[in-house]
């Protein structure tokens, strides 16, 4: 199959340099790159997310309401009322 690929000058330069250093044709390098992308591990392609760093500790807190994430305003308001009452008692 014949296919056209449009490359910006910088990419074209890098590809030409790689071809001259490796002794391969531009087409062979492009085929290798496509093959590498096609067989790459999907997890390796995924960008890291903040969740990935926090996954081990999510849900490890004890004694908190199970619906805290969905009713946070309610619990925050209750917490503020308790703090205000505690500060007034001083």
N, C-alpha and C. Protein backbone atom coordinates (compact mmCIF):
# COMPACT_ATOMS: atom_id res chain seq x y z
N UNK A 1 0.85 -1.17 0.00
CA UNK A 1 0.00 0.00 0.00
C UNK A 1 0.90 1.24 0.00
N UNK A 2 0.57 2.17 -0.81
CA UNK A 2 1.32 3.43 -0.85
C UNK A 2 0.55 4.44 -0.02
N UNK A 3 1.28 5.17 0.80
CA UNK A 3 0.65 6.14 1.70
C UNK A 3 1.54 7.37 1.79
N UNK A 4 0.92 8.53 1.88
CA UNK A 4 1.67 9.77 2.07
C UNK A 4 1.60 10.16 3.53
N UNK A 5 2.71 10.66 4.03
CA UNK A 5 2.76 11.14 5.41
C UNK A 5 3.34 12.54 5.37
N UNK A 6 2.66 13.46 6.01
CA UNK A 6 3.16 14.84 6.07
C UNK A 6 3.87 15.04 7.40
N UNK A 7 5.10 15.48 7.33
CA UNK A 7 5.91 15.70 8.52
C UNK A 7 6.38 17.14 8.57
N UNK A 8 6.44 17.68 9.77
CA UNK A 8 7.00 19.02 9.92
C UNK A 8 8.52 18.91 9.71
N UNK A 9 9.18 20.02 9.42
CA UNK A 9 10.61 19.98 9.11
C UNK A 9 11.47 19.36 10.21
N UNK A 10 11.15 19.62 11.46
CA UNK A 10 11.95 19.08 12.56
C UNK A 10 11.83 17.55 12.62
N UNK A 11 10.63 17.04 12.47
CA UNK A 11 10.43 15.59 12.48
C UNK A 11 11.09 14.95 11.27
N UNK A 12 10.95 15.59 10.14
CA UNK A 12 11.59 15.08 8.92
C UNK A 12 13.11 15.01 9.11
N UNK A 13 13.68 16.03 9.74
CA UNK A 13 15.12 16.04 10.00
C UNK A 13 15.55 14.92 10.93
N UNK A 14 14.77 14.70 11.99
CA UNK A 14 15.09 13.62 12.94
C UNK A 14 15.00 12.26 12.25
N UNK A 15 13.97 12.10 11.42
CA UNK A 15 13.80 10.84 10.71
C UNK A 15 14.95 10.62 9.73
N UNK A 16 15.36 11.66 9.02
CA UNK A 16 16.48 11.54 8.07
C UNK A 16 17.77 11.20 8.81
N UNK A 17 17.98 11.82 9.97
CA UNK A 17 19.18 11.54 10.76
C UNK A 17 19.18 10.10 11.24
N UNK A 18 18.02 9.63 11.75
CA UNK A 18 17.92 8.24 12.20
C UNK A 18 18.17 7.27 11.04
N UNK A 19 17.66 7.60 9.86
CA UNK A 19 17.85 6.73 8.70
C UNK A 19 19.32 6.66 8.31
N UNK A 20 20.00 7.79 8.32
CA UNK A 20 21.41 7.76 7.93
C UNK A 20 22.26 7.06 8.98
N UNK A 21 21.93 7.23 10.26
CA UNK A 21 22.70 6.58 11.33
C UNK A 21 22.49 5.06 11.35
N UNK A 22 21.26 4.64 11.05
CA UNK A 22 20.95 3.21 11.14
C UNK A 22 21.15 2.49 9.81
N UNK A 23 21.24 3.24 8.73
CA UNK A 23 21.37 2.61 7.41
C UNK A 23 20.06 2.05 6.90
N UNK A 24 18.96 2.47 7.48
CA UNK A 24 17.64 1.99 7.05
C UNK A 24 16.97 3.06 6.21
N UNK A 25 15.94 2.64 5.48
CA UNK A 25 15.18 3.61 4.69
C UNK A 25 14.18 4.33 5.59
N UNK A 26 13.67 5.46 5.10
CA UNK A 26 12.65 6.19 5.85
C UNK A 26 11.42 5.31 6.05
N UNK A 27 11.03 4.59 5.02
CA UNK A 27 9.86 3.71 5.11
C UNK A 27 10.06 2.62 6.16
N UNK A 28 11.27 2.04 6.21
CA UNK A 28 11.53 0.99 7.19
C UNK A 28 11.43 1.54 8.61
N UNK A 29 11.95 2.74 8.83
CA UNK A 29 11.86 3.34 10.17
C UNK A 29 10.42 3.62 10.55
N UNK A 30 9.63 4.11 9.62
CA UNK A 30 8.23 4.40 9.90
C UNK A 30 7.48 3.11 10.21
N UNK A 31 7.76 2.04 9.43
CA UNK A 31 7.12 0.75 9.70
C UNK A 31 7.49 0.24 11.10
N UNK A 32 8.76 0.37 11.48
CA UNK A 32 9.20 -0.06 12.82
C UNK A 32 8.50 0.72 13.91
N UNK A 33 8.37 2.04 13.70
CA UNK A 33 7.71 2.88 14.70
C UNK A 33 6.24 2.48 14.87
N UNK A 34 5.56 2.23 13.76
CA UNK A 34 4.16 1.80 13.83
C UNK A 34 4.05 0.46 14.53
N UNK A 35 4.96 -0.46 14.22
CA UNK A 35 4.95 -1.78 14.85
C UNK A 35 5.17 -1.66 16.37
N UNK A 36 6.10 -0.80 16.78
CA UNK A 36 6.33 -0.58 18.21
C UNK A 36 5.09 -0.03 18.90
N UNK A 37 4.44 0.95 18.27
CA UNK A 37 3.23 1.52 18.86
C UNK A 37 2.10 0.50 18.93
N UNK A 38 1.98 -0.33 17.91
CA UNK A 38 0.91 -1.32 17.87
C UNK A 38 1.08 -2.39 18.93
N UNK A 39 2.31 -2.70 19.28
CA UNK A 39 2.56 -3.77 20.25
C UNK A 39 2.95 -3.26 21.64
N UNK A 40 2.84 -1.99 21.85
CA UNK A 40 3.19 -1.41 23.15
C UNK A 40 2.16 -1.80 24.20
N UNK A 41 2.59 -1.89 25.43
CA UNK A 41 1.71 -2.19 26.55
C UNK A 41 0.76 -1.03 26.77
N UNK A 42 -0.57 -1.25 26.75
CA UNK A 42 -1.52 -0.14 26.93
C UNK A 42 -1.31 0.61 28.24
N UNK A 43 -0.91 -0.08 29.29
CA UNK A 43 -0.68 0.59 30.58
C UNK A 43 0.51 1.53 30.49
N UNK A 44 1.49 1.19 29.67
CA UNK A 44 2.66 2.05 29.52
C UNK A 44 2.32 3.31 28.75
N UNK A 45 1.33 3.24 27.86
CA UNK A 45 0.94 4.40 27.07
C UNK A 45 0.13 5.39 27.89
N UNK A 46 -0.55 4.90 28.92
CA UNK A 46 -1.42 5.75 29.72
C UNK A 46 -0.59 6.70 30.57
N UNK A 47 -1.01 7.94 30.60
CA UNK A 47 -0.31 8.92 31.42
C UNK A 47 -0.64 8.66 32.90
N UNK A 48 0.33 8.86 33.77
CA UNK A 48 0.03 8.65 35.20
C UNK A 48 -1.00 9.67 35.68
N UNK A 49 -1.85 9.22 36.57
CA UNK A 49 -2.88 10.09 37.14
C UNK A 49 -2.62 10.25 38.64
N UNK A 50 -3.10 11.32 39.23
CA UNK A 50 -2.95 11.46 40.69
C UNK A 50 -3.55 10.28 41.43
N UNK A 51 -4.64 9.71 40.90
CA UNK A 51 -5.27 8.55 41.53
C UNK A 51 -4.27 7.40 41.69
N UNK A 52 -3.40 7.21 40.68
CA UNK A 52 -2.45 6.10 40.74
C UNK A 52 -1.54 6.20 41.97
N UNK A 53 -1.16 7.42 42.33
CA UNK A 53 -0.30 7.60 43.50
C UNK A 53 -1.06 7.41 44.81
N UNK A 54 -2.34 7.76 44.81
CA UNK A 54 -3.13 7.71 46.04
C UNK A 54 -3.93 6.41 46.19
N UNK A 55 -3.98 5.57 45.18
CA UNK A 55 -4.80 4.35 45.23
C UNK A 55 -4.56 3.49 46.47
N UNK A 56 -3.32 3.33 46.93
CA UNK A 56 -3.11 2.47 48.10
C UNK A 56 -3.75 3.00 49.39
N UNK A 57 -3.96 4.29 49.49
CA UNK A 57 -4.50 4.84 50.74
C UNK A 57 -5.97 5.24 50.64
N UNK A 58 -6.54 5.17 49.44
CA UNK A 58 -7.95 5.52 49.31
C UNK A 58 -8.79 4.49 50.05
N UNK A 59 -9.64 4.98 50.92
CA UNK A 59 -10.53 4.10 51.69
C UNK A 59 -9.91 3.53 52.94
N UNK A 60 -8.73 3.99 53.33
CA UNK A 60 -8.09 3.40 54.51
C UNK A 60 -8.48 4.10 55.81
N UNK A 61 -9.16 5.25 55.75
CA UNK A 61 -9.55 5.95 56.96
C UNK A 61 -10.70 5.22 57.64
N UNK A 62 -10.65 5.12 58.93
CA UNK A 62 -11.68 4.41 59.70
C UNK A 62 -12.50 5.43 60.50
N UNK A 63 -13.75 5.09 60.73
CA UNK A 63 -14.60 5.90 61.59
C UNK A 63 -15.25 7.09 60.90
N UNK A 64 -15.11 7.21 59.61
CA UNK A 64 -15.75 8.30 58.88
C UNK A 64 -17.02 7.80 58.23
N UNK A 65 -17.97 8.71 57.96
CA UNK A 65 -19.21 8.28 57.32
C UNK A 65 -18.94 7.70 55.92
N UNK A 66 -19.70 6.67 55.55
CA UNK A 66 -19.49 6.04 54.24
C UNK A 66 -19.89 6.97 53.09
N UNK A 67 -20.77 7.92 53.36
CA UNK A 67 -21.23 8.83 52.30
C UNK A 67 -20.53 10.18 52.36
N UNK A 68 -19.36 10.23 52.93
CA UNK A 68 -18.65 11.49 53.10
C UNK A 68 -18.38 12.18 51.76
N UNK A 69 -18.03 11.44 50.76
CA UNK A 69 -17.70 12.06 49.47
C UNK A 69 -18.93 12.68 48.81
N UNK A 70 -20.10 12.13 49.04
CA UNK A 70 -21.30 12.68 48.41
C UNK A 70 -22.02 13.70 49.28
N UNK A 71 -21.79 13.67 50.59
CA UNK A 71 -22.45 14.61 51.50
C UNK A 71 -21.43 15.44 52.27
N UNK A 72 -20.36 15.82 51.62
CA UNK A 72 -19.28 16.53 52.31
C UNK A 72 -19.74 17.87 52.89
N UNK A 73 -20.67 18.56 52.23
CA UNK A 73 -21.13 19.86 52.75
C UNK A 73 -21.84 19.69 54.08
N UNK A 74 -22.65 18.65 54.16
CA UNK A 74 -23.38 18.37 55.41
C UNK A 74 -22.40 18.14 56.55
N UNK A 75 -21.42 17.27 56.31
CA UNK A 75 -20.47 16.93 57.37
C UNK A 75 -19.53 18.10 57.68
N UNK A 76 -19.18 18.88 56.67
CA UNK A 76 -18.33 20.04 56.91
C UNK A 76 -19.09 21.06 57.76
N UNK A 77 -20.36 21.28 57.46
CA UNK A 77 -21.18 22.22 58.23
C UNK A 77 -21.28 21.75 59.69
N UNK A 78 -21.52 20.44 59.89
CA UNK A 78 -21.59 19.90 61.26
C UNK A 78 -20.27 20.10 61.98
N UNK A 79 -19.18 19.90 61.28
CA UNK A 79 -17.85 20.09 61.87
C UNK A 79 -17.65 21.55 62.28
N UNK A 80 -18.06 22.49 61.42
CA UNK A 80 -17.93 23.91 61.76
C UNK A 80 -18.77 24.29 62.96
N UNK A 81 -19.98 23.75 63.05
CA UNK A 81 -20.85 24.03 64.20
C UNK A 81 -20.19 23.53 65.49
N UNK A 82 -19.62 22.32 65.45
CA UNK A 82 -18.92 21.77 66.63
C UNK A 82 -17.72 22.63 67.02
N UNK A 83 -16.96 23.06 66.02
CA UNK A 83 -15.79 23.92 66.31
C UNK A 83 -16.23 25.24 66.93
N UNK A 84 -17.28 25.82 66.39
CA UNK A 84 -17.78 27.10 66.90
C UNK A 84 -18.25 26.94 68.35
N UNK A 85 -18.95 25.83 68.62
CA UNK A 85 -19.44 25.60 69.98
C UNK A 85 -18.25 25.37 70.93
N UNK A 86 -17.25 24.66 70.48
CA UNK A 86 -16.06 24.39 71.30
C UNK A 86 -15.32 25.70 71.59
N UNK A 87 -15.18 26.57 70.59
CA UNK A 87 -14.49 27.84 70.77
C UNK A 87 -15.30 28.79 71.66
N UNK A 88 -16.62 28.73 71.58
CA UNK A 88 -17.45 29.59 72.42
C UNK A 88 -17.37 29.18 73.88
N UNK A 89 -17.17 27.89 74.14
CA UNK A 89 -17.10 27.39 75.51
C UNK A 89 -15.80 27.80 76.19
N UNK A 90 -14.82 28.21 75.45
CA UNK A 90 -13.53 28.59 76.05
C UNK A 90 -13.57 29.91 76.70
